[in-house]
N, C-alpha and C. Protein backbone atom coordinates (compact mmCIF):
# COMPACT_ATOMS: atom_id res chain seq x y z
N UNK A 1 83.74 93.34 87.55
CA UNK A 1 84.13 93.65 86.19
C UNK A 1 85.16 94.79 86.15
N UNK A 2 84.84 95.85 86.89
CA UNK A 2 85.73 97.01 86.92
C UNK A 2 87.04 96.64 87.61
N UNK A 3 86.97 95.81 88.64
CA UNK A 3 88.17 95.40 89.37
C UNK A 3 89.13 94.63 88.46
N UNK A 4 88.59 93.77 87.63
CA UNK A 4 89.43 93.01 86.70
C UNK A 4 90.11 93.93 85.70
N UNK A 5 89.36 94.92 85.23
CA UNK A 5 89.91 95.88 84.28
C UNK A 5 91.05 96.67 84.91
N UNK A 6 90.83 97.17 86.14
CA UNK A 6 91.88 97.92 86.83
C UNK A 6 93.10 97.06 87.09
N UNK A 7 92.87 95.80 87.44
CA UNK A 7 93.98 94.88 87.69
C UNK A 7 94.83 94.71 86.43
N UNK A 8 94.19 94.57 85.29
CA UNK A 8 94.93 94.42 84.02
C UNK A 8 95.68 95.71 83.67
N UNK A 9 95.03 96.86 83.89
CA UNK A 9 95.66 98.15 83.58
C UNK A 9 96.90 98.35 84.46
N UNK A 10 96.75 98.09 85.76
CA UNK A 10 97.88 98.27 86.68
C UNK A 10 99.01 97.27 86.39
N UNK A 11 98.66 96.06 86.00
CA UNK A 11 99.68 95.08 85.64
C UNK A 11 100.43 95.53 84.39
N UNK A 12 99.73 96.08 83.44
CA UNK A 12 100.37 96.59 82.23
C UNK A 12 101.31 97.75 82.56
N UNK A 13 100.86 98.65 83.43
CA UNK A 13 101.71 99.77 83.85
C UNK A 13 102.96 99.25 84.55
N UNK A 14 102.81 98.25 85.40
CA UNK A 14 103.95 97.66 86.11
C UNK A 14 104.95 97.04 85.14
N UNK A 15 104.46 96.33 84.15
CA UNK A 15 105.35 95.71 83.16
C UNK A 15 106.09 96.77 82.37
N UNK A 16 105.39 97.81 81.96
CA UNK A 16 106.03 98.90 81.20
C UNK A 16 107.09 99.59 82.05
N UNK A 17 106.79 99.83 83.34
CA UNK A 17 107.76 100.48 84.23
C UNK A 17 109.01 99.61 84.40
N UNK A 18 108.84 98.31 84.55
CA UNK A 18 109.99 97.40 84.68
C UNK A 18 110.83 97.39 83.41
N UNK A 19 110.19 97.32 82.26
CA UNK A 19 110.93 97.34 81.00
C UNK A 19 111.68 98.65 80.83
N UNK A 20 111.05 99.77 81.17
CA UNK A 20 111.70 101.07 81.07
C UNK A 20 112.92 101.12 81.99
N UNK A 21 112.81 100.58 83.20
CA UNK A 21 113.91 100.57 84.14
C UNK A 21 115.09 99.75 83.61
N UNK A 22 114.82 98.58 83.08
CA UNK A 22 115.88 97.72 82.55
C UNK A 22 116.57 98.38 81.36
N UNK A 23 115.79 98.91 80.45
CA UNK A 23 116.36 99.55 79.26
C UNK A 23 117.18 100.77 79.66
N UNK A 24 116.69 101.55 80.61
CA UNK A 24 117.41 102.73 81.08
C UNK A 24 118.76 102.34 81.69
N UNK A 25 118.79 101.26 82.46
CA UNK A 25 120.04 100.81 83.07
C UNK A 25 121.02 100.31 82.00
N UNK A 26 120.53 99.67 80.97
CA UNK A 26 121.40 99.19 79.91
C UNK A 26 122.00 100.35 79.12
N UNK A 27 121.20 101.38 78.88
CA UNK A 27 121.66 102.51 78.09
C UNK A 27 122.70 103.33 78.85
N UNK A 28 122.49 103.52 80.15
CA UNK A 28 123.37 104.37 80.95
C UNK A 28 124.41 103.59 81.73
N UNK A 29 124.69 102.38 81.31
CA UNK A 29 125.66 101.53 82.01
C UNK A 29 127.07 102.08 81.82
N UNK A 30 127.81 102.17 82.92
CA UNK A 30 129.19 102.65 82.86
C UNK A 30 130.07 101.56 82.24
N UNK A 31 131.08 101.97 81.51
CA UNK A 31 131.96 101.00 80.88
C UNK A 31 132.89 100.38 81.93
N UNK A 32 133.44 99.24 81.60
CA UNK A 32 134.34 98.54 82.51
C UNK A 32 135.58 99.39 82.80
N UNK A 33 136.07 100.08 81.79
CA UNK A 33 137.25 100.92 81.97
C UNK A 33 136.98 102.01 83.01
N UNK A 34 135.83 102.64 82.92
CA UNK A 34 135.48 103.69 83.89
C UNK A 34 135.37 103.13 85.29
N UNK A 35 134.79 101.95 85.42
CA UNK A 35 134.64 101.31 86.73
C UNK A 35 136.01 101.00 87.34
N UNK A 36 136.92 100.47 86.54
CA UNK A 36 138.25 100.13 87.03
C UNK A 36 139.03 101.38 87.43
N UNK A 37 138.92 102.43 86.62
CA UNK A 37 139.62 103.68 86.94
C UNK A 37 139.08 104.29 88.23
N UNK A 38 137.79 104.28 88.40
CA UNK A 38 137.19 104.83 89.62
C UNK A 38 137.62 104.02 90.84
N UNK A 39 137.67 102.72 90.69
CA UNK A 39 138.09 101.86 91.78
C UNK A 39 139.56 102.10 92.13
N UNK A 40 140.41 102.26 91.12
CA UNK A 40 141.82 102.51 91.36
C UNK A 40 142.03 103.86 92.05
N UNK A 41 141.29 104.88 91.61
CA UNK A 41 141.39 106.20 92.25
C UNK A 41 140.99 106.12 93.72
N UNK A 42 139.91 105.43 94.00
CA UNK A 42 139.44 105.29 95.38
C UNK A 42 140.47 104.57 96.23
N UNK A 43 141.04 103.51 95.70
CA UNK A 43 142.05 102.75 96.44
C UNK A 43 143.27 103.61 96.74
N UNK A 44 143.73 104.38 95.77
CA UNK A 44 144.88 105.26 95.99
C UNK A 44 144.57 106.33 97.03
N UNK A 45 143.36 106.88 96.98
CA UNK A 45 142.98 107.91 97.97
C UNK A 45 142.96 107.32 99.37
N UNK A 46 142.46 106.12 99.50
CA UNK A 46 142.41 105.47 100.82
C UNK A 46 143.82 105.17 101.33
N UNK A 47 144.71 104.75 100.45
CA UNK A 47 146.09 104.48 100.86
C UNK A 47 146.78 105.76 101.29
N UNK A 48 146.54 106.86 100.58
CA UNK A 48 147.14 108.14 100.95
C UNK A 48 146.62 108.62 102.29
N UNK A 49 145.35 108.42 102.56
CA UNK A 49 144.79 108.80 103.86
C UNK A 49 145.42 107.99 104.99
N UNK A 50 145.63 106.71 104.75
CA UNK A 50 146.20 105.84 105.78
C UNK A 50 147.67 106.13 106.02
N UNK A 51 148.38 106.63 105.02
CA UNK A 51 149.81 106.93 105.16
C UNK A 51 150.04 108.23 105.90
N UNK A 52 149.06 109.10 105.97
CA UNK A 52 149.23 110.40 106.63
C UNK A 52 149.04 110.31 108.12
């Protein structure tokens, strides 16, 4: 009886943790513009390193 109760409690905690993780990622998602700018900066830095 107690084992079934703990199983349900832990399953509920797991579901809540997964939902929190997904919502947190959606809220703090970087915009496409920021991603492209960061990628362009990295590419330019790598090209400058290779040219030296």
